[in-house]
Each structure stands twice: as structure tokens, then as C-alpha cells.
Amino acid sequence: MSTIENLLRAYSRFVSIQWDRSLAGPQKVWFVIYEPSQERRLRRRIEEFAIETRNTGHNWHHIDLTNAFANWMAAHEYRDAYFRRPERITPALADFGDHVAHLLREALTAPDVDEDTVVAVSGIASLFGLTRTSSVIEAVNDHIRGRMLVFFPGQRDGSNYRILDARDGWNYHAVPIEATAGDGV
């Protein structure tokens, strides 16, 4: 059985457990953790995660952050100056982090999102080097109604998460969903 199939199986078990509605925001965050080399395979199968979610009676809302930077940059009034002198963009990247948090807050508070909705977030690898994923997630904790599922290409060691296996991680209390060798048996 493939890694993605094992992740789907683990997720299916997880999403079917009755949800505790009294949890705080950080406790409502789920990370589907996989090797960065599996990113394309996982993306092709995101709809299967949606199907598993709906099969348990929960709703699904997906947001893809892959193009967030390109869209933000295209709309930025100083984009031409940043293209001429890229080193000058560094101070503006704090605004980009705020922009991503705003996109997530909009998804988490959309009219079709309620306490029974999984808001799935893909494309967080595209934020790497531009803003800290940890800051963005922490900025939206209080807006999570149901659950926020983050497709996380990286590693976990206890409660320490490292995106793309490339930087120091951060300590976070998300619930990990991982494929294990026993999931296929």
C-alpha cells in the first residue's frame, strides 16, 4: 500500500471519531504529515480526503495557498521596484504573512463553514522562505470552528514540526496524522 493510501486510511479513522466541540483553536488543527517528495502524489488525491470527510457526515472546504505569493505580489503597488531590487522586499514579507493569515481567516469563516467542517489547507510549502508557517497558523487559531487540516510536507519529532525538512522546527500542539507501516495491514 502506498504512503498516500496509508495517510488516507489514517485520516479516515481520525475524521470519523466524534469531535470534541469544547477544544481550543490549536487543538482543532490536524497536520497530515508526509515526506516532501510525496507532495505531487498527495495533491492528486486531495479529493479523496474530501470524500472521506463527507462520508463521515462532515463538510469539506479546501484552500490552496500555492499561488498566494504570486497573487499578493501581482497586486502589490511596489512590485516593479521589488523585481528590480529583490533585496528590498524583506520588510514587506511581514505584510505577506498577514495576507496569508487573512486568506485563511476568510476560509475558516466562510458562510459554508461551521463546527462540522474540515477546512483543508494545501500549498503551505510555497510559503517557505517568505513567511513562517507557524506564525500564520497561530494567527488564525481563534477562527477555527470545526477542524483545520494542514497538508504538511515535512517531519515531526514529538510536537516539533519541520516543514520541508529544511529549517528549525517549531513546537506546536497540532494533532499529527501520519502513515505508519501498520496502516496497510
Protein backbone atom coordinates (compact mmCIF):
# COMPACT_ATOMS: atom_id res chain seq x y z
CA MET A 1 0.00 0.00 0.00
CA SER A 2 1.35 3.46 -0.88
CA THR A 3 2.20 6.18 1.60
CA ILE A 4 -0.72 8.30 0.40
CA GLU A 5 -3.14 5.38 0.75
CA ASN A 6 -1.86 4.84 4.28
CA LEU A 7 -2.37 8.55 5.01
CA LEU A 8 -5.91 8.33 3.64
CA ARG A 9 -6.60 5.33 5.83
CA ALA A 10 -5.21 7.07 8.92
CA TYR A 11 -7.18 10.23 8.11
CA SER A 12 -10.38 8.24 7.58
CA ARG A 13 -10.06 6.74 11.05
CA PHE A 14 -9.30 10.14 12.52
CA VAL A 15 -12.09 12.14 10.91
CA SER A 16 -14.68 9.53 11.90
CA ILE A 17 -14.02 9.93 15.63
CA GLN A 18 -16.62 12.11 17.36
CA TRP A 19 -15.36 15.67 17.61
CA ASP A 20 -15.00 17.41 20.96
CA ARG A 21 -16.53 20.84 20.40
CA SER A 22 -15.00 22.34 23.56
CA LEU A 23 -11.41 22.28 22.29
CA ALA A 24 -9.33 25.43 21.93
CA GLY A 25 -8.23 26.54 18.45
CA PRO A 26 -4.73 25.00 18.49
CA GLN A 27 -6.27 21.65 19.45
CA LYS A 28 -8.50 21.76 16.37
CA VAL A 29 -5.55 21.75 13.98
CA TRP A 30 -4.66 18.48 12.28
CA PHE A 31 -1.44 18.00 10.32
CA VAL A 32 -1.31 15.31 7.64
CA ILE A 33 2.44 14.75 7.66
CA TYR A 34 4.27 13.29 4.69
CA GLU A 35 7.65 13.37 3.02
CA PRO A 36 8.08 16.41 0.75
CA SER A 37 8.82 14.02 -2.13
CA GLN A 38 5.18 12.87 -1.88
CA GLU A 39 3.72 16.35 -2.50
CA ARG A 40 2.55 15.78 -6.08
CA ARG A 41 1.09 12.38 -5.29
CA LEU A 42 -0.80 13.79 -2.33
CA ARG A 43 -2.15 16.76 -4.29
CA ARG A 44 -3.62 14.44 -6.92
CA ARG A 45 -5.55 12.70 -4.16
CA ILE A 46 -6.84 15.59 -2.07
CA GLU A 47 -10.36 14.96 -3.33
CA GLU A 48 -10.19 11.52 -1.72
CA PHE A 49 -9.64 13.22 1.65
CA ALA A 50 -12.75 15.30 0.90
CA ILE A 51 -14.73 12.14 0.14
CA GLU A 52 -13.57 10.51 3.38
CA THR A 53 -14.62 13.65 5.26
CA ARG A 54 -18.08 13.77 3.67
CA ASN A 55 -18.56 10.03 4.25
CA THR A 56 -18.41 10.72 8.00
CA GLY A 57 -21.10 13.41 7.78
CA HIS A 58 -18.71 16.33 7.99
CA ASN A 59 -18.34 19.16 5.49
CA TRP A 60 -15.22 20.00 3.49
CA HIS A 61 -13.76 23.36 2.48
CA HIS A 62 -10.40 23.48 0.70
CA ILE A 63 -7.98 26.39 0.30
CA ASP A 64 -4.80 26.11 -1.74
CA LEU A 65 -2.08 28.61 -0.84
CA THR A 66 0.23 27.69 -3.73
CA ASN A 67 -0.36 30.95 -5.62
CA ALA A 68 -0.77 33.20 -2.57
CA PHE A 69 2.60 34.89 -3.02
CA ALA A 70 2.21 35.38 -6.78
CA ASN A 71 -1.26 36.90 -6.32
CA TRP A 72 -0.10 39.11 -3.46
CA MET A 73 2.94 40.29 -5.41
CA ALA A 74 0.90 40.95 -8.58
CA ALA A 75 -1.40 43.25 -6.60
CA HIS A 76 1.39 44.99 -4.64
CA GLU A 77 1.94 48.63 -5.51
CA TYR A 78 5.74 48.29 -5.29
CA ARG A 79 6.02 45.02 -7.24
CA ASP A 80 8.06 46.55 -10.07
CA ALA A 81 10.53 48.05 -7.60
CA TYR A 82 10.82 44.69 -5.83
CA PHE A 83 11.56 42.94 -9.10
CA ARG A 84 14.33 45.45 -9.81
CA ARG A 85 15.75 45.22 -6.28
CA PRO A 86 14.54 41.95 -4.68
CA GLU A 87 16.56 42.53 -1.52
CA ARG A 88 14.17 45.34 -0.63
CA ILE A 89 11.17 43.04 -0.29
CA THR A 90 12.22 41.70 3.11
CA PRO A 91 10.28 44.30 5.19
CA ALA A 92 7.15 43.71 3.08
CA LEU A 93 7.18 39.99 3.80
CA ALA A 94 5.57 40.64 7.19
CA ASP A 95 2.64 42.03 5.20
CA PHE A 96 2.63 38.87 3.11
CA GLY A 97 2.32 36.75 6.29
CA ASP A 98 -0.63 38.92 7.33
CA HIS A 99 -2.12 38.45 3.86
CA VAL A 100 -1.89 34.65 4.13
CA ALA A 101 -3.45 34.74 7.60
CA HIS A 102 -6.26 36.86 6.14
CA LEU A 103 -6.84 34.29 3.38
CA LEU A 104 -7.05 31.53 5.97
CA ARG A 105 -9.39 33.54 8.21
CA GLU A 106 -11.67 34.09 5.22
CA ALA A 107 -11.71 30.34 4.53
CA LEU A 108 -12.29 29.48 8.19
CA THR A 109 -15.21 31.92 8.48
CA ALA A 110 -16.78 31.36 5.05
CA PRO A 111 -20.59 31.05 5.07
CA ASP A 112 -20.43 27.32 4.27
CA VAL A 113 -18.02 26.59 7.15
CA ASP A 114 -19.42 25.54 10.52
CA GLU A 115 -18.48 23.39 13.53
CA ASP A 116 -18.78 20.26 11.37
CA THR A 117 -16.43 21.44 8.63
CA VAL A 118 -12.87 20.45 7.87
CA VAL A 119 -11.06 23.39 6.32
CA ALA A 120 -8.21 21.77 4.41
CA VAL A 121 -5.10 23.81 3.64
CA SER A 122 -2.70 22.77 0.90
CA GLY A 123 0.24 24.57 -0.65
CA ILE A 124 1.94 25.62 2.57
CA ALA A 125 5.31 24.61 1.15
CA SER A 126 5.00 27.62 -1.16
CA LEU A 127 5.23 29.86 1.91
CA PHE A 128 8.69 28.55 2.79
CA GLY A 129 11.28 31.30 2.89
CA LEU A 130 8.62 34.02 2.63
CA THR A 131 6.76 33.74 5.92
CA ARG A 132 6.72 31.35 8.84
CA THR A 133 4.00 28.74 8.65
CA SER A 134 3.88 28.65 12.44
CA SER A 135 3.04 32.38 12.63
CA VAL A 136 0.31 32.09 10.04
CA ILE A 137 -1.34 29.13 11.78
CA GLU A 138 -1.10 30.75 15.19
CA ALA A 139 -2.71 33.91 13.77
CA VAL A 140 -5.87 32.01 12.81
CA ASN A 141 -6.30 29.65 15.79
CA ASP A 142 -9.21 31.61 17.23
CA HIS A 143 -11.16 31.40 13.96
CA ILE A 144 -11.29 27.61 13.68
CA ARG A 145 -14.89 26.44 14.03
CA GLY A 146 -14.60 22.75 13.14
CA ARG A 147 -11.15 21.45 12.26
CA MET A 148 -8.31 22.83 10.18
CA LEU A 149 -6.44 20.15 8.26
CA VAL A 150 -2.98 21.20 7.08
CA PHE A 151 -1.25 19.09 4.45
CA PHE A 152 2.27 19.27 5.88
CA PRO A 153 5.29 18.25 3.78
CA GLY A 154 7.89 17.73 6.44
CA GLN A 155 8.68 15.90 9.62
CA ARG A 156 7.57 15.72 13.21
CA ASP A 157 9.59 14.87 16.28
CA GLY A 158 7.21 14.87 19.22
CA SER A 159 5.45 18.22 18.98
CA ASN A 160 8.26 19.80 16.96
CA TYR A 161 7.37 20.27 13.28
CA ARG A 162 9.82 20.98 10.45
CA ILE A 163 8.42 21.98 7.08
CA LEU A 164 10.32 20.64 4.06
CA ASP A 165 12.86 19.17 6.50
CA ALA A 166 14.87 22.31 5.92
CA ARG A 167 14.65 24.62 8.90
CA ASP A 168 14.46 24.58 12.61
CA GLY A 169 11.03 23.48 13.58
CA TRP A 170 8.56 24.94 15.95
CA ASN A 171 6.76 23.44 18.88
CA TYR A 172 3.05 23.20 18.10
CA HIS A 173 0.14 21.31 19.55
CA ALA A 174 -1.45 20.16 16.30
CA VAL A 175 -2.75 16.63 16.12
CA PRO A 176 -0.49 14.65 13.77
CA ILE A 177 -1.92 12.25 11.21
CA GLU A 178 0.83 10.08 9.81
CA ALA A 179 1.13 6.98 7.68
CA THR A 180 2.65 4.07 9.55
CA ALA A 181 3.85 0.77 8.25
CA GLY A 182 0.94 -0.94 10.02
CA ASP A 183 -1.72 1.10 8.23
CA GLY A 184 -1.67 -1.17 5.21
CA VAL A 185 -2.23 -4.36 7.21
